C-alpha atoms as a PDB file:
ATOM      1  CA  UNK A   1      17.801  -8.006 -14.776  1.00  0.00           C
ATOM      2  CA  UNK A   2      15.216  -5.787 -16.445  1.00  0.00           C
ATOM      3  CA  UNK A   3      11.528  -6.535 -16.180  1.00  0.00           C
ATOM      4  CA  UNK A   4       9.540  -7.253 -19.321  1.00  0.00           C
ATOM      5  CA  UNK A   5       6.993  -4.544 -20.042  1.00  0.00           C
ATOM      6  CA  UNK A   6       4.126  -6.893 -19.153  1.00  0.00           C
ATOM      7  CA  UNK A   7       5.703  -7.971 -15.854  1.00  0.00           C
ATOM      8  CA  UNK A   8       6.495  -4.326 -15.043  1.00  0.00           C
ATOM      9  CA  UNK A   9       2.886  -3.304 -15.737  1.00  0.00           C
ATOM     10  CA  UNK A  10       1.552  -6.116 -13.538  1.00  0.00           C
ATOM     11  CA  UNK A  11       4.025  -5.383 -10.733  1.00  0.00           C
ATOM     12  CA  UNK A  12       2.933  -1.729 -10.680  1.00  0.00           C
ATOM     13  CA  UNK A  13      -0.698  -2.863 -10.617  1.00  0.00           C
ATOM     14  CA  UNK A  14       0.041  -5.251  -7.760  1.00  0.00           C
ATOM     15  CA  UNK A  15       1.776  -2.566  -5.693  1.00  0.00           C
ATOM     16  CA  UNK A  16      -0.944   0.026  -6.211  1.00  0.00           C
ATOM     17  CA  UNK A  17      -3.690  -2.521  -5.505  1.00  0.00           C
ATOM     18  CA  UNK A  18      -2.021  -3.504  -2.232  1.00  0.00           C
ATOM     19  CA  UNK A  19      -1.611   0.155  -1.257  1.00  0.00           C
ATOM     20  CA  UNK A  20      -5.256   0.849  -2.037  1.00  0.00           C
ATOM     21  CA  UNK A  21      -6.409  -2.149   0.017  1.00  0.00           C
ATOM     22  CA  UNK A  22      -4.331  -0.966   2.974  1.00  0.00           C
ATOM     23  CA  UNK A  23      -5.834   2.529   2.693  1.00  0.00           C
ATOM     24  CA  UNK A  24      -9.360   1.108   2.476  1.00  0.00           C
ATOM     25  CA  UNK A  25      -8.785  -0.937   5.632  1.00  0.00           C
ATOM     26  CA  UNK A  26      -7.835   2.229   7.495  1.00  0.00           C
ATOM     27  CA  UNK A  27     -10.631   4.372   6.061  1.00  0.00           C
ATOM     28  CA  UNK A  28     -13.479   1.928   6.656  1.00  0.00           C
ATOM     29  CA  UNK A  29     -13.599   2.887  10.322  1.00  0.00           C
ATOM     30  CA  UNK A  30     -11.991   0.162  12.343  1.00  0.00           C
ATOM     31  CA  UNK A  31     -13.895  -1.273  15.286  1.00  0.00           C
ATOM     32  CA  UNK A  32     -11.368  -1.837  18.062  1.00  0.00           C
ATOM     33  CA  UNK A  33     -13.313  -4.733  19.553  1.00  0.00           C
ATOM     34  CA  UNK A  34     -13.770  -6.499  16.229  1.00  0.00           C
ATOM     35  CA  UNK A  35     -10.032  -6.576  15.549  1.00  0.00           C
ATOM     36  CA  UNK A  36      -8.956  -7.033  19.156  1.00  0.00           C
ATOM     37  CA  UNK A  37      -6.951  -3.829  19.534  1.00  0.00           C
ATOM     38  CA  UNK A  38      -7.159  -0.911  21.914  1.00  0.00           C
ATOM     39  CA  UNK A  39      -7.985   2.573  20.659  1.00  0.00           C
ATOM     40  CA  UNK A  40      -4.300   3.496  20.972  1.00  0.00           C
ATOM     41  CA  UNK A  41      -3.234   0.408  19.021  1.00  0.00           C
ATOM     42  CA  UNK A  42      -5.729   1.176  16.257  1.00  0.00           C
ATOM     43  CA  UNK A  43      -4.278   4.692  15.997  1.00  0.00           C
ATOM     44  CA  UNK A  44      -0.793   3.264  15.605  1.00  0.00           C
ATOM     45  CA  UNK A  45      -2.067   0.708  13.074  1.00  0.00           C
ATOM     46  CA  UNK A  46      -3.659   3.495  11.028  1.00  0.00           C
ATOM     47  CA  UNK A  47      -0.391   5.468  11.021  1.00  0.00           C
ATOM     48  CA  UNK A  48       1.638   2.432  10.009  1.00  0.00           C
ATOM     49  CA  UNK A  49      -0.831   1.444   7.293  1.00  0.00           C
ATOM     50  CA  UNK A  50      -0.669   4.935   5.805  1.00  0.00           C
ATOM     51  CA  UNK A  51       3.141   4.821   5.813  1.00  0.00           C
ATOM     52  CA  UNK A  52       3.126   1.400   4.199  1.00  0.00           C
ATOM     53  CA  UNK A  53       0.684   2.522   1.503  1.00  0.00           C
ATOM     54  CA  UNK A  54       2.883   5.552   0.734  1.00  0.00           C
ATOM     55  CA  UNK A  55       5.935   3.293   0.428  1.00  0.00           C
ATOM     56  CA  UNK A  56       4.102   1.006  -1.982  1.00  0.00           C
ATOM     57  CA  UNK A  57       2.914   3.928  -4.135  1.00  0.00           C
ATOM     58  CA  UNK A  58       6.456   5.341  -4.155  1.00  0.00           C
ATOM     59  CA  UNK A  59       7.900   2.005  -5.244  1.00  0.00           C
ATOM     60  CA  UNK A  60       5.299   1.716  -8.012  1.00  0.00           C
ATOM     61  CA  UNK A  61       6.212   5.209  -9.251  1.00  0.00           C
ATOM     62  CA  UNK A  62       9.922   4.337  -9.240  1.00  0.00           C
ATOM     63  CA  UNK A  63       9.278   1.235 -11.311  1.00  0.00           C
ATOM     64  CA  UNK A  64       7.055   3.196 -13.681  1.00  0.00           C
ATOM     65  CA  UNK A  65       9.671   5.935 -14.125  1.00  0.00           C
ATOM     66  CA  UNK A  66      12.492   3.442 -14.682  1.00  0.00           C
ATOM     67  CA  UNK A  67      11.087   2.752 -18.146  1.00  0.00           C
ATOM     68  CA  UNK A  68      10.852   6.428 -19.118  1.00  0.00           C
ATOM     69  CA  UNK A  69      14.592   6.838 -19.474  1.00  0.00           C
END
């Protein structure tokens, strides 16, 4: 089922907002003690957050391009 143009626009906005929030969480300089993780765990969290943000941006682009056909 195809998305209405409004729903598609809002879904893209939702995905890119979530990706941006994930990136901001990583870039704000995490304090290991404050979030209860070791330095190694924070490094892994940062890697996983970056991957997740990329996936969300990619999905948003796919949805955006699906209407260009």
